[in-house]
């Protein structure tokens, strides 16, 4: 079992509807544990989607946008991260299932 993770969400400027659906399905997750990176922007800026601050960036690395941005910004204090794409949706038990991961492993899929 692991502690509740920080969610890294990759999106694109053309997928606002999909991102909004994912964020709605994650309403029960605290905002401080959701980091959203939106690729395909013209400049780095913060935009709001469903009331959630999101980082728009000027590159499009598809499913890896959030992971690249997270790694290059050296975010500290987050023991576990879980990578999500904007076309996914959370069910009520998604986080419980994710937290069943083996914390002794370096990574899991």
PDB file of N, CA and C in Angstrom:
ATOM      1  N   UNK A   1       0.844  -1.193   0.000  1.00  0.00           N
ATOM      2  CA  UNK A   1       0.000   0.000   0.000  1.00  0.00           C
ATOM      3  C   UNK A   1       0.885   1.250   0.000  1.00  0.00           C
ATOM      4  N   UNK A   2       0.425   2.267  -0.686  1.00  0.00           N
ATOM      5  CA  UNK A   2       1.126   3.546  -0.708  1.00  0.00           C
ATOM      6  C   UNK A   2       0.198   4.631  -0.175  1.00  0.00           C
ATOM      7  N   UNK A   3       0.806   5.745   0.218  1.00  0.00           N
ATOM      8  CA  UNK A   3      -0.001   6.901   0.610  1.00  0.00           C
ATOM      9  C   UNK A   3      -0.638   7.485  -0.643  1.00  0.00           C
ATOM     10  N   UNK A   4      -1.709   8.255  -0.510  1.00  0.00           N
ATOM     11  CA  UNK A   4      -2.353   8.826  -1.706  1.00  0.00           C
ATOM     12  C   UNK A   4      -1.343   9.606  -2.548  1.00  0.00           C
ATOM     13  N   UNK A   5      -1.324   9.347  -3.865  1.00  0.00           N
ATOM     14  CA  UNK A   5      -0.330   9.965  -4.740  1.00  0.00           C
ATOM     15  C   UNK A   5      -0.710  11.366  -5.197  1.00  0.00           C
ATOM     16  N   UNK A   6       0.263  12.017  -5.797  1.00  0.00           N
ATOM     17  CA  UNK A   6       0.044  13.243  -6.542  1.00  0.00           C
ATOM     18  C   UNK A   6      -0.218  12.821  -7.980  1.00  0.00           C
ATOM     19  N   UNK A   7      -1.240  13.378  -8.598  1.00  0.00           N
ATOM     20  CA  UNK A   7      -1.606  13.008  -9.964  1.00  0.00           C
ATOM     21  C   UNK A   7      -1.026  14.013 -10.946  1.00  0.00           C
ATOM     22  N   UNK A   8      -0.260  13.508 -11.919  1.00  0.00           N
ATOM     23  CA  UNK A   8       0.298  14.326 -12.991  1.00  0.00           C
ATOM     24  C   UNK A   8      -0.565  14.087 -14.220  1.00  0.00           C
ATOM     25  N   UNK A   9      -1.207  15.127 -14.695  1.00  0.00           N
ATOM     26  CA  UNK A   9      -2.171  14.994 -15.785  1.00  0.00           C
ATOM     27  C   UNK A   9      -1.640  15.714 -17.022  1.00  0.00           C
ATOM     28  N   UNK A  10      -1.531  14.952 -18.123  1.00  0.00           N
ATOM     29  CA  UNK A  10      -1.113  15.516 -19.403  1.00  0.00           C
ATOM     30  C   UNK A  10      -2.339  15.823 -20.244  1.00  0.00           C
ATOM     31  N   UNK A  11      -2.330  16.997 -20.872  1.00  0.00           N
ATOM     32  CA  UNK A  11      -3.436  17.372 -21.748  1.00  0.00           C
ATOM     33  C   UNK A  11      -2.884  18.161 -22.930  1.00  0.00           C
ATOM     34  N   UNK A  12      -3.773  18.681 -23.742  1.00  0.00           N
ATOM     35  CA  UNK A  12      -3.424  19.500 -24.900  1.00  0.00           C
ATOM     36  C   UNK A  12      -4.468  20.599 -25.023  1.00  0.00           C
ATOM     37  N   UNK A  13      -4.085  21.729 -25.601  1.00  0.00           N
ATOM     38  CA  UNK A  13      -5.009  22.858 -25.725  1.00  0.00           C
ATOM     39  C   UNK A  13      -6.282  22.485 -26.482  1.00  0.00           C
ATOM     40  N   UNK A  14      -6.232  21.475 -27.323  1.00  0.00           N
ATOM     41  CA  UNK A  14      -7.406  21.049 -28.090  1.00  0.00           C
ATOM     42  C   UNK A  14      -8.312  20.079 -27.336  1.00  0.00           C
ATOM     43  N   UNK A  15      -7.930  19.710 -26.115  1.00  0.00           N
ATOM     44  CA  UNK A  15      -8.675  18.690 -25.379  1.00  0.00           C
ATOM     45  C   UNK A  15      -9.303  19.217 -24.094  1.00  0.00           C
ATOM     46  N   UNK A  16      -9.734  20.457 -24.080  1.00  0.00           N
ATOM     47  CA  UNK A  16     -10.309  21.051 -22.869  1.00  0.00           C
ATOM     48  C   UNK A  16     -11.540  20.290 -22.379  1.00  0.00           C
ATOM     49  N   UNK A  17     -12.386  19.799 -23.302  1.00  0.00           N
ATOM     50  CA  UNK A  17     -13.585  19.071 -22.885  1.00  0.00           C
ATOM     51  C   UNK A  17     -13.207  17.772 -22.176  1.00  0.00           C
ATOM     52  N   UNK A  18     -12.252  17.042 -22.741  1.00  0.00           N
ATOM     53  CA  UNK A  18     -11.810  15.788 -22.116  1.00  0.00           C
ATOM     54  C   UNK A  18     -11.198  16.073 -20.753  1.00  0.00           C
ATOM     55  N   UNK A  19     -10.362  17.096 -20.668  1.00  0.00           N
ATOM     56  CA  UNK A  19      -9.736  17.456 -19.397  1.00  0.00           C
ATOM     57  C   UNK A  19     -10.791  17.843 -18.363  1.00  0.00           C
ATOM     58  N   UNK A  20     -11.784  18.597 -18.779  1.00  0.00           N
ATOM     59  CA  UNK A  20     -12.854  19.004 -17.855  1.00  0.00           C
ATOM     60  C   UNK A  20     -13.587  17.776 -17.311  1.00  0.00           C
ATOM     61  N   UNK A  21     -13.841  16.772 -18.155  1.00  0.00           N
ATOM     62  CA  UNK A  21     -14.497  15.536 -17.692  1.00  0.00           C
ATOM     63  C   UNK A  21     -13.634  14.808 -16.670  1.00  0.00           C
ATOM     64  N   UNK A  22     -12.335  14.690 -16.949  1.00  0.00           N
ATOM     65  CA  UNK A  22     -11.445  14.032 -15.996  1.00  0.00           C
ATOM     66  C   UNK A  22     -11.442  14.772 -14.668  1.00  0.00           C
ATOM     67  N   UNK A  23     -11.267  16.079 -14.703  1.00  0.00           N
ATOM     68  CA  UNK A  23     -11.216  16.849 -13.456  1.00  0.00           C
ATOM     69  C   UNK A  23     -12.532  16.757 -12.681  1.00  0.00           C
ATOM     70  N   UNK A  24     -13.652  16.726 -13.383  1.00  0.00           N
ATOM     71  CA  UNK A  24     -14.935  16.553 -12.711  1.00  0.00           C
ATOM     72  C   UNK A  24     -14.992  15.199 -12.011  1.00  0.00           C
ATOM     73  N   UNK A  25     -14.479  14.159 -12.661  1.00  0.00           N
ATOM     74  CA  UNK A  25     -14.494  12.825 -12.063  1.00  0.00           C
ATOM     75  C   UNK A  25     -13.541  12.724 -10.872  1.00  0.00           C
ATOM     76  N   UNK A  26     -12.647  13.715 -10.740  1.00  0.00           N
ATOM     77  CA  UNK A  26     -11.674  13.728  -9.642  1.00  0.00           C
ATOM     78  C   UNK A  26     -12.007  14.785  -8.589  1.00  0.00           C
ATOM     79  N   UNK A  27     -13.233  15.261  -8.557  1.00  0.00           N
ATOM     80  CA  UNK A  27     -13.613  16.311  -7.604  1.00  0.00           C
ATOM     81  C   UNK A  27     -13.309  15.937  -6.159  1.00  0.00           C
ATOM     82  N   UNK A  28     -13.326  14.664  -5.825  1.00  0.00           N
ATOM     83  CA  UNK A  28     -13.090  14.216  -4.446  1.00  0.00           C
ATOM     84  C   UNK A  28     -11.602  14.172  -4.080  1.00  0.00           C
ATOM     85  N   UNK A  29     -10.724  14.446  -5.038  1.00  0.00           N
ATOM     86  CA  UNK A  29      -9.276  14.487  -4.801  1.00  0.00           C
ATOM     87  C   UNK A  29      -8.884  15.940  -4.531  1.00  0.00           C
ATOM     88  N   UNK A  30      -8.138  16.212  -3.448  1.00  0.00           N
ATOM     89  CA  UNK A  30      -7.725  17.599  -3.174  1.00  0.00           C
ATOM     90  C   UNK A  30      -6.927  18.205  -4.337  1.00  0.00           C
ATOM     91  N   UNK A  31      -7.175  19.462  -4.622  1.00  0.00           N
ATOM     92  CA  UNK A  31      -6.509  20.162  -5.735  1.00  0.00           C
ATOM     93  C   UNK A  31      -4.994  20.130  -5.609  1.00  0.00           C
ATOM     94  N   UNK A  32      -4.461  20.167  -4.384  1.00  0.00           N
ATOM     95  CA  UNK A  32      -3.000  20.195  -4.214  1.00  0.00           C
ATOM     96  C   UNK A  32      -2.342  18.896  -4.667  1.00  0.00           C
ATOM     97  N   UNK A  33      -3.131  17.851  -4.909  1.00  0.00           N
ATOM     98  CA  UNK A  33      -2.579  16.582  -5.385  1.00  0.00           C
ATOM     99  C   UNK A  33      -2.863  16.350  -6.869  1.00  0.00           C
ATOM    100  N   UNK A  34      -3.301  17.402  -7.579  1.00  0.00           N
ATOM    101  CA  UNK A  34      -3.533  17.309  -9.019  1.00  0.00           C
ATOM    102  C   UNK A  34      -2.701  18.393  -9.697  1.00  0.00           C
ATOM    103  N   UNK A  35      -1.758  17.973 -10.522  1.00  0.00           N
ATOM    104  CA  UNK A  35      -0.919  18.900 -11.274  1.00  0.00           C
ATOM    105  C   UNK A  35      -1.204  18.673 -12.743  1.00  0.00           C
ATOM    106  N   UNK A  36      -1.756  19.687 -13.404  1.00  0.00           N
ATOM    107  CA  UNK A  36      -2.190  19.570 -14.791  1.00  0.00           C
ATOM    108  C   UNK A  36      -1.264  20.389 -15.686  1.00  0.00           C
ATOM    109  N   UNK A  37      -0.760  19.724 -16.732  1.00  0.00           N
ATOM    110  CA  UNK A  37       0.101  20.384 -17.710  1.00  0.00           C
ATOM    111  C   UNK A  37      -0.549  20.238 -19.081  1.00  0.00           C
ATOM    112  N   UNK A  38      -0.787  21.376 -19.734  1.00  0.00           N
ATOM    113  CA  UNK A  38      -1.479  21.405 -21.018  1.00  0.00           C
ATOM    114  C   UNK A  38      -0.481  21.795 -22.105  1.00  0.00           C
ATOM    115  N   UNK A  39      -0.188  20.869 -22.988  1.00  0.00           N
ATOM    116  CA  UNK A  39       0.766  21.111 -24.073  1.00  0.00           C
ATOM    117  C   UNK A  39       0.124  21.847 -25.239  1.00  0.00           C
ATOM    118  N   UNK A  40       0.963  22.354 -26.121  1.00  0.00           N
ATOM    119  CA  UNK A  40       0.482  23.007 -27.332  1.00  0.00           C
ATOM    120  C   UNK A  40       0.163  24.474 -27.190  1.00  0.00           C
ATOM    121  N   UNK A  41       0.534  25.071 -26.062  1.00  0.00           N
ATOM    122  CA  UNK A  41       0.301  26.498 -25.871  1.00  0.00           C
ATOM    123  C   UNK A  41       1.322  27.330 -26.632  1.00  0.00           C
ATOM    124  N   UNK A  42       1.137  28.622 -26.633  1.00  0.00           N
ATOM    125  CA  UNK A  42       2.091  29.506 -27.305  1.00  0.00           C
ATOM    126  C   UNK A  42       3.140  30.029 -26.326  1.00  0.00           C
ATOM    127  N   UNK A  43       2.780  30.116 -25.048  1.00  0.00           N
ATOM    128  CA  UNK A  43       3.693  30.568 -23.999  1.00  0.00           C
ATOM    129  C   UNK A  43       3.379  29.791 -22.717  1.00  0.00           C
ATOM    130  N   UNK A  44       4.297  29.834 -21.761  1.00  0.00           N
ATOM    131  CA  UNK A  44       4.004  29.261 -20.450  1.00  0.00           C
ATOM    132  C   UNK A  44       3.078  30.212 -19.716  1.00  0.00           C
ATOM    133  N   UNK A  45       1.971  29.678 -19.213  1.00  0.00           N
ATOM    134  CA  UNK A  45       1.038  30.493 -18.446  1.00  0.00           C
ATOM    135  C   UNK A  45       0.137  29.575 -17.626  1.00  0.00           C
ATOM    136  N   UNK A  46      -0.551  30.151 -16.665  1.00  0.00           N
ATOM    137  CA  UNK A  46      -1.509  29.407 -15.858  1.00  0.00           C
ATOM    138  C   UNK A  46      -2.904  29.722 -16.382  1.00  0.00           C
ATOM    139  N   UNK A  47      -3.677  28.678 -16.651  1.00  0.00           N
ATOM    140  CA  UNK A  47      -5.066  28.823 -17.086  1.00  0.00           C
ATOM    141  C   UNK A  47      -5.945  28.037 -16.117  1.00  0.00           C
ATOM    142  N   UNK A  48      -7.225  28.331 -16.107  1.00  0.00           N
ATOM    143  CA  UNK A  48      -8.158  27.636 -15.211  1.00  0.00           C
ATOM    144  C   UNK A  48      -9.070  26.726 -16.028  1.00  0.00           C
ATOM    145  N   UNK A  49      -9.188  25.472 -15.598  1.00  0.00           N
ATOM    146  CA  UNK A  49     -10.129  24.527 -16.196  1.00  0.00           C
ATOM    147  C   UNK A  49     -10.938  23.945 -15.038  1.00  0.00           C
ATOM    148  N   UNK A  50     -12.253  24.113 -15.078  1.00  0.00           N
ATOM    149  CA  UNK A  50     -13.130  23.655 -13.982  1.00  0.00           C
ATOM    150  C   UNK A  50     -12.686  24.216 -12.636  1.00  0.00           C
ATOM    151  N   UNK A  51     -12.217  25.442 -12.617  1.00  0.00           N
ATOM    152  CA  UNK A  51     -11.771  26.065 -11.377  1.00  0.00           C
ATOM    153  C   UNK A  51     -10.410  25.595 -10.895  1.00  0.00           C
ATOM    154  N   UNK A  52      -9.737  24.759 -11.675  1.00  0.00           N
ATOM    155  CA  UNK A  52      -8.440  24.195 -11.295  1.00  0.00           C
ATOM    156  C   UNK A  52      -7.330  24.921 -12.058  1.00  0.00           C
ATOM    157  N   UNK A  53      -6.327  25.467 -11.358  1.00  0.00           N
ATOM    158  CA  UNK A  53      -5.206  26.082 -12.072  1.00  0.00           C
ATOM    159  C   UNK A  53      -4.400  25.007 -12.801  1.00  0.00           C
ATOM    160  N   UNK A  54      -4.107  25.270 -14.074  1.00  0.00           N
ATOM    161  CA  UNK A  54      -3.374  24.338 -14.925  1.00  0.00           C
ATOM    162  C   UNK A  54      -2.232  25.087 -15.607  1.00  0.00           C
ATOM    163  N   UNK A  55      -1.147  24.386 -15.857  1.00  0.00           N
ATOM    164  CA  UNK A  55       0.021  24.988 -16.483  1.00  0.00           C
ATOM    165  C   UNK A  55       0.006  24.709 -17.978  1.00  0.00           C
ATOM    166  N   UNK A  56      -0.144  25.762 -18.781  1.00  0.00           N
ATOM    167  CA  UNK A  56      -0.081  25.624 -20.225  1.00  0.00           C
ATOM    168  C   UNK A  56       1.372  25.837 -20.640  1.00  0.00           C
ATOM    169  N   UNK A  57       1.878  24.943 -21.499  1.00  0.00           N
ATOM    170  CA  UNK A  57       3.294  24.995 -21.887  1.00  0.00           C
ATOM    171  C   UNK A  57       3.429  24.981 -23.406  1.00  0.00           C
ATOM    172  N   UNK A  58       4.523  25.562 -23.924  1.00  0.00           N
ATOM    173  CA  UNK A  58       4.678  25.702 -25.375  1.00  0.00           C
ATOM    174  C   UNK A  58       5.323  24.500 -26.070  1.00  0.00           C
ATOM    175  N   UNK A  59       5.174  23.317 -25.518  1.00  0.00           N
ATOM    176  CA  UNK A  59       5.596  22.114 -26.244  1.00  0.00           C
ATOM    177  C   UNK A  59       4.469  21.103 -26.137  1.00  0.00           C
ATOM    178  N   UNK A  60       4.485  20.139 -27.017  1.00  0.00           N
ATOM    179  CA  UNK A  60       3.470  19.093 -26.975  1.00  0.00           C
ATOM    180  C   UNK A  60       4.189  17.757 -26.978  1.00  0.00           C
ATOM    181  N   UNK A  61       4.302  17.170 -25.821  1.00  0.00           N
ATOM    182  CA  UNK A  61       4.978  15.883 -25.687  1.00  0.00           C
ATOM    183  C   UNK A  61       3.963  14.768 -25.424  1.00  0.00           C
ATOM    184  N   UNK A  62       2.740  15.020 -25.864  1.00  0.00           N
ATOM    185  CA  UNK A  62       1.646  14.055 -25.787  1.00  0.00           C
ATOM    186  C   UNK A  62       1.481  13.514 -24.367  1.00  0.00           C
ATOM    187  N   UNK A  63       1.515  12.197 -24.188  1.00  0.00           N
ATOM    188  CA  UNK A  63       1.287  11.591 -22.870  1.00  0.00           C
ATOM    189  C   UNK A  63       2.369  11.959 -21.858  1.00  0.00           C
ATOM    190  N   UNK A  64       3.482  12.484 -22.316  1.00  0.00           N
ATOM    191  CA  UNK A  64       4.615  12.762 -21.430  1.00  0.00           C
ATOM    192  C   UNK A  64       4.748  14.223 -21.017  1.00  0.00           C
ATOM    193  N   UNK A  65       3.866  15.089 -21.472  1.00  0.00           N
ATOM    194  CA  UNK A  65       3.969  16.514 -21.156  1.00  0.00           C
ATOM    195  C   UNK A  65       4.080  16.743 -19.654  1.00  0.00           C
ATOM    196  N   UNK A  66       3.193  16.152 -18.881  1.00  0.00           N
ATOM    197  CA  UNK A  66       3.203  16.359 -17.423  1.00  0.00           C
ATOM    198  C   UNK A  66       4.471  15.797 -16.791  1.00  0.00           C
ATOM    199  N   UNK A  67       4.880  14.624 -17.218  1.00  0.00           N
ATOM    200  CA  UNK A  67       6.071  13.995 -16.643  1.00  0.00           C
ATOM    201  C   UNK A  67       7.324  14.821 -16.932  1.00  0.00           C
ATOM    202  N   UNK A  68       7.457  15.320 -18.148  1.00  0.00           N
ATOM    203  CA  UNK A  68       8.603  16.156 -18.520  1.00  0.00           C
ATOM    204  C   UNK A  68       8.615  17.445 -17.702  1.00  0.00           C
ATOM    205  N   UNK A  69       7.467  18.109 -17.631  1.00  0.00           N
ATOM    206  CA  UNK A  69       7.397  19.368 -16.876  1.00  0.00           C
ATOM    207  C   UNK A  69       7.687  19.130 -15.393  1.00  0.00           C
ATOM    208  N   UNK A  70       7.133  18.086 -14.837  1.00  0.00           N
ATOM    209  CA  UNK A  70       7.341  17.757 -13.419  1.00  0.00           C
ATOM    210  C   UNK A  70       8.829  17.511 -13.156  1.00  0.00           C
ATOM    211  N   UNK A  71       9.462  16.715 -14.008  1.00  0.00           N
ATOM    212  CA  UNK A  71      10.877  16.364 -13.820  1.00  0.00           C
ATOM    213  C   UNK A  71      11.788  17.578 -13.985  1.00  0.00           C
ATOM    214  N   UNK A  72      11.484  18.455 -14.921  1.00  0.00           N
ATOM    215  CA  UNK A  72      12.362  19.603 -15.153  1.00  0.00           C
ATOM    216  C   UNK A  72      12.172  20.711 -14.129  1.00  0.00           C
ATOM    217  N   UNK A  73      11.021  20.715 -13.459  1.00  0.00           N
ATOM    218  CA  UNK A  73      10.772  21.741 -12.447  1.00  0.00           C
ATOM    219  C   UNK A  73      11.179  21.272 -11.048  1.00  0.00           C
ATOM    220  N   UNK A  74      11.639  20.032 -10.929  1.00  0.00           N
ATOM    221  CA  UNK A  74      12.145  19.473  -9.660  1.00  0.00           C
ATOM    222  C   UNK A  74      11.175  19.678  -8.500  1.00  0.00           C
ATOM    223  N   UNK A  75       9.962  19.191  -8.670  1.00  0.00           N
ATOM    224  CA  UNK A  75       8.962  19.274  -7.605  1.00  0.00           C
ATOM    225  C   UNK A  75       9.378  18.366  -6.451  1.00  0.00           C
ATOM    226  N   UNK A  76       9.383  18.877  -5.255  1.00  0.00           N
ATOM    227  CA  UNK A  76       9.792  18.101  -4.083  1.00  0.00           C
ATOM    228  C   UNK A  76       8.612  17.890  -3.149  1.00  0.00           C
ATOM    229  N   UNK A  77       8.771  16.928  -2.245  1.00  0.00           N
ATOM    230  CA  UNK A  77       7.766  16.698  -1.226  1.00  0.00           C
ATOM    231  C   UNK A  77       6.638  15.780  -1.651  1.00  0.00           C
ATOM    232  N   UNK A  78       6.741  15.163  -2.810  1.00  0.00           N
ATOM    233  CA  UNK A  78       5.706  14.247  -3.289  1.00  0.00           C
ATOM    234  C   UNK A  78       6.334  12.869  -3.450  1.00  0.00           C
ATOM    235  N   UNK A  79       6.000  11.976  -2.554  1.00  0.00           N
ATOM    236  CA  UNK A  79       6.623  10.650  -2.523  1.00  0.00           C
ATOM    237  C   UNK A  79       6.183   9.761  -3.682  1.00  0.00           C
ATOM    238  N   UNK A  80       4.899   9.811  -4.014  1.00  0.00           N
ATOM    239  CA  UNK A  80       4.364   8.973  -5.085  1.00  0.00           C
ATOM    240  C   UNK A  80       3.616   9.843  -6.087  1.00  0.00           C
ATOM    241  N   UNK A  81       3.832   9.568  -7.380  1.00  0.00           N
ATOM    242  CA  UNK A  81       3.086  10.250  -8.434  1.00  0.00           C
ATOM    243  C   UNK A  81       2.432   9.201  -9.325  1.00  0.00           C
ATOM    244  N   UNK A  82       1.320   9.585  -9.918  1.00  0.00           N
ATOM    245  CA  UNK A  82       0.571   8.709 -10.814  1.00  0.00           C
ATOM    246  C   UNK A  82       0.267   9.512 -12.062  1.00  0.00           C
ATOM    247  N   UNK A  83       0.707   9.037 -13.211  1.00  0.00           N
ATOM    248  CA  UNK A  83       0.549   9.750 -14.471  1.00  0.00           C
ATOM    249  C   UNK A  83      -0.803   9.431 -15.097  1.00  0.00           C
ATOM    250  N   UNK A  84      -1.540  10.476 -15.469  1.00  0.00           N
ATOM    251  CA  UNK A  84      -2.849  10.328 -16.112  1.00  0.00           C
ATOM    252  C   UNK A  84      -2.887  11.106 -17.419  1.00  0.00           C
ATOM    253  N   UNK A  85      -3.668  10.616 -18.356  1.00  0.00           N
ATOM    254  CA  UNK A  85      -3.927  11.348 -19.591  1.00  0.00           C
ATOM    255  C   UNK A  85      -5.323  11.943 -19.498  1.00  0.00           C
ATOM    256  N   UNK A  86      -5.550  13.041 -20.177  1.00  0.00           N
ATOM    257  CA  UNK A  86      -6.820  13.764 -20.061  1.00  0.00           C
ATOM    258  C   UNK A  86      -8.041  12.995 -20.545  1.00  0.00           C
ATOM    259  N   UNK A  87      -7.868  11.923 -21.306  1.00  0.00           N
ATOM    260  CA  UNK A  87      -9.022  11.176 -21.804  1.00  0.00           C
ATOM    261  C   UNK A  87      -9.483  10.096 -20.826  1.00  0.00           C
ATOM    262  N   UNK A  88      -8.857  10.026 -19.647  1.00  0.00           N
ATOM    263  CA  UNK A  88      -9.256   9.054 -18.640  1.00  0.00           C
ATOM    264  C   UNK A  88     -10.342   9.667 -17.753  1.00  0.00           C
ATOM    265  N   UNK A  89     -11.023   8.819 -16.995  1.00  0.00           N
ATOM    266  CA  UNK A  89     -11.976   9.283 -15.993  1.00  0.00           C
ATOM    267  C   UNK A  89     -11.807   8.442 -14.738  1.00  0.00           C
ATOM    268  N   UNK A  90     -12.016   9.040 -13.589  1.00  0.00           N
ATOM    269  CA  UNK A  90     -11.911   8.381 -12.288  1.00  0.00           C
ATOM    270  C   UNK A  90     -13.264   7.821 -11.869  1.00  0.00           C
ATOM    271  N   UNK A  91     -13.245   6.649 -11.251  1.00  0.00           N
ATOM    272  CA  UNK A  91     -14.414   6.125 -10.562  1.00  0.00           C
ATOM    273  C   UNK A  91     -14.221   6.401  -9.076  1.00  0.00           C
ATOM    274  N   UNK A  92     -15.239   6.149  -8.275  1.00  0.00           N
ATOM    275  CA  UNK A  92     -15.148   6.428  -6.841  1.00  0.00           C
ATOM    276  C   UNK A  92     -14.070   5.607  -6.149  1.00  0.00           C
ATOM    277  N   UNK A  93     -13.757   4.418  -6.675  1.00  0.00           N
ATOM    278  CA  UNK A  93     -12.754   3.572  -6.017  1.00  0.00           C
ATOM    279  C   UNK A  93     -11.385   3.623  -6.694  1.00  0.00           C
ATOM    280  N   UNK A  94     -11.196   4.488  -7.681  1.00  0.00           N
ATOM    281  CA  UNK A  94      -9.923   4.555  -8.406  1.00  0.00           C
ATOM    282  C   UNK A  94      -8.741   4.801  -7.474  1.00  0.00           C
ATOM    283  N   UNK A  95      -8.862   5.780  -6.590  1.00  0.00           N
ATOM    284  CA  UNK A  95      -7.729   6.080  -5.715  1.00  0.00           C
ATOM    285  C   UNK A  95      -7.431   4.920  -4.772  1.00  0.00           C
ATOM    286  N   UNK A  96      -8.449   4.269  -4.247  1.00  0.00           N
ATOM    287  CA  UNK A  96      -8.206   3.107  -3.377  1.00  0.00           C
ATOM    288  C   UNK A  96      -7.447   2.014  -4.121  1.00  0.00           C
ATOM    289  N   UNK A  97      -7.806   1.783  -5.372  1.00  0.00           N
ATOM    290  CA  UNK A  97      -7.114   0.774  -6.171  1.00  0.00           C
ATOM    291  C   UNK A  97      -5.668   1.191  -6.464  1.00  0.00           C
ATOM    292  N   UNK A  98      -5.459   2.462  -6.778  1.00  0.00           N
ATOM    293  CA  UNK A  98      -4.104   2.972  -7.044  1.00  0.00           C
ATOM    294  C   UNK A  98      -3.232   2.834  -5.801  1.00  0.00           C
ATOM    295  N   UNK A  99      -3.783   3.104  -4.638  1.00  0.00           N
ATOM    296  CA  UNK A  99      -3.022   3.040  -3.385  1.00  0.00           C
ATOM    297  C   UNK A  99      -2.653   1.615  -2.986  1.00  0.00           C
ATOM    298  N   UNK A 100      -3.169   0.625  -3.685  1.00  0.00           N
ATOM    299  CA  UNK A 100      -2.794  -0.765  -3.418  1.00  0.00           C
ATOM    300  C   UNK A 100      -1.456  -1.130  -4.039  1.00  0.00           C
ATOM    301  N   UNK A 101      -0.820  -0.199  -4.749  1.00  0.00           N
ATOM    302  CA  UNK A 101       0.493  -0.462  -5.351  1.00  0.00           C
ATOM    303  C   UNK A 101       1.512  -0.824  -4.275  1.00  0.00           C
ATOM    304  N   UNK A 102       2.497  -1.583  -4.652  1.00  0.00           N
ATOM    305  CA  UNK A 102       3.573  -2.011  -3.744  1.00  0.00           C
ATOM    306  C   UNK A 102       4.551  -0.854  -3.567  1.00  0.00           C
ATOM    307  N   UNK A 103       4.567  -0.258  -2.399  1.00  0.00           N
ATOM    308  CA  UNK A 103       5.440   0.890  -2.119  1.00  0.00           C
ATOM    309  C   UNK A 103       6.920   0.552  -2.117  1.00  0.00           C
ATOM    310  N   UNK A 104       7.282  -0.711  -2.068  1.00  0.00           N
ATOM    311  CA  UNK A 104       8.691  -1.107  -2.094  1.00  0.00           C
ATOM    312  C   UNK A 104       9.285  -1.094  -3.497  1.00  0.00           C
ATOM    313  N   UNK A 105       8.435  -1.011  -4.510  1.00  0.00           N
ATOM    314  CA  UNK A 105       8.910  -1.009  -5.901  1.00  0.00           C
ATOM    315  C   UNK A 105       9.260   0.420  -6.327  1.00  0.00           C
ATOM    316  N   UNK A 106      10.248   0.543  -7.216  1.00  0.00           N
ATOM    317  CA  UNK A 106      10.625   1.854  -7.740  1.00  0.00           C
ATOM    318  C   UNK A 106       9.540   2.434  -8.626  1.00  0.00           C
ATOM    319  N   UNK A 107       8.878   1.576  -9.398  1.00  0.00           N
ATOM    320  CA  UNK A 107       7.814   2.004 -10.304  1.00  0.00           C
ATOM    321  C   UNK A 107       6.894   0.821 -10.554  1.00  0.00           C
ATOM    322  N   UNK A 108       5.679   1.115 -10.928  1.00  0.00           N
ATOM    323  CA  UNK A 108       4.723   0.066 -11.268  1.00  0.00           C
ATOM    324  C   UNK A 108       3.824   0.554 -12.379  1.00  0.00           C
ATOM    325  N   UNK A 109       3.289  -0.376 -13.150  1.00  0.00           N
ATOM    326  CA  UNK A 109       2.398  -0.020 -14.254  1.00  0.00           C
ATOM    327  C   UNK A 109       1.050  -0.685 -14.040  1.00  0.00           C
TER     328      UNK A 109
END
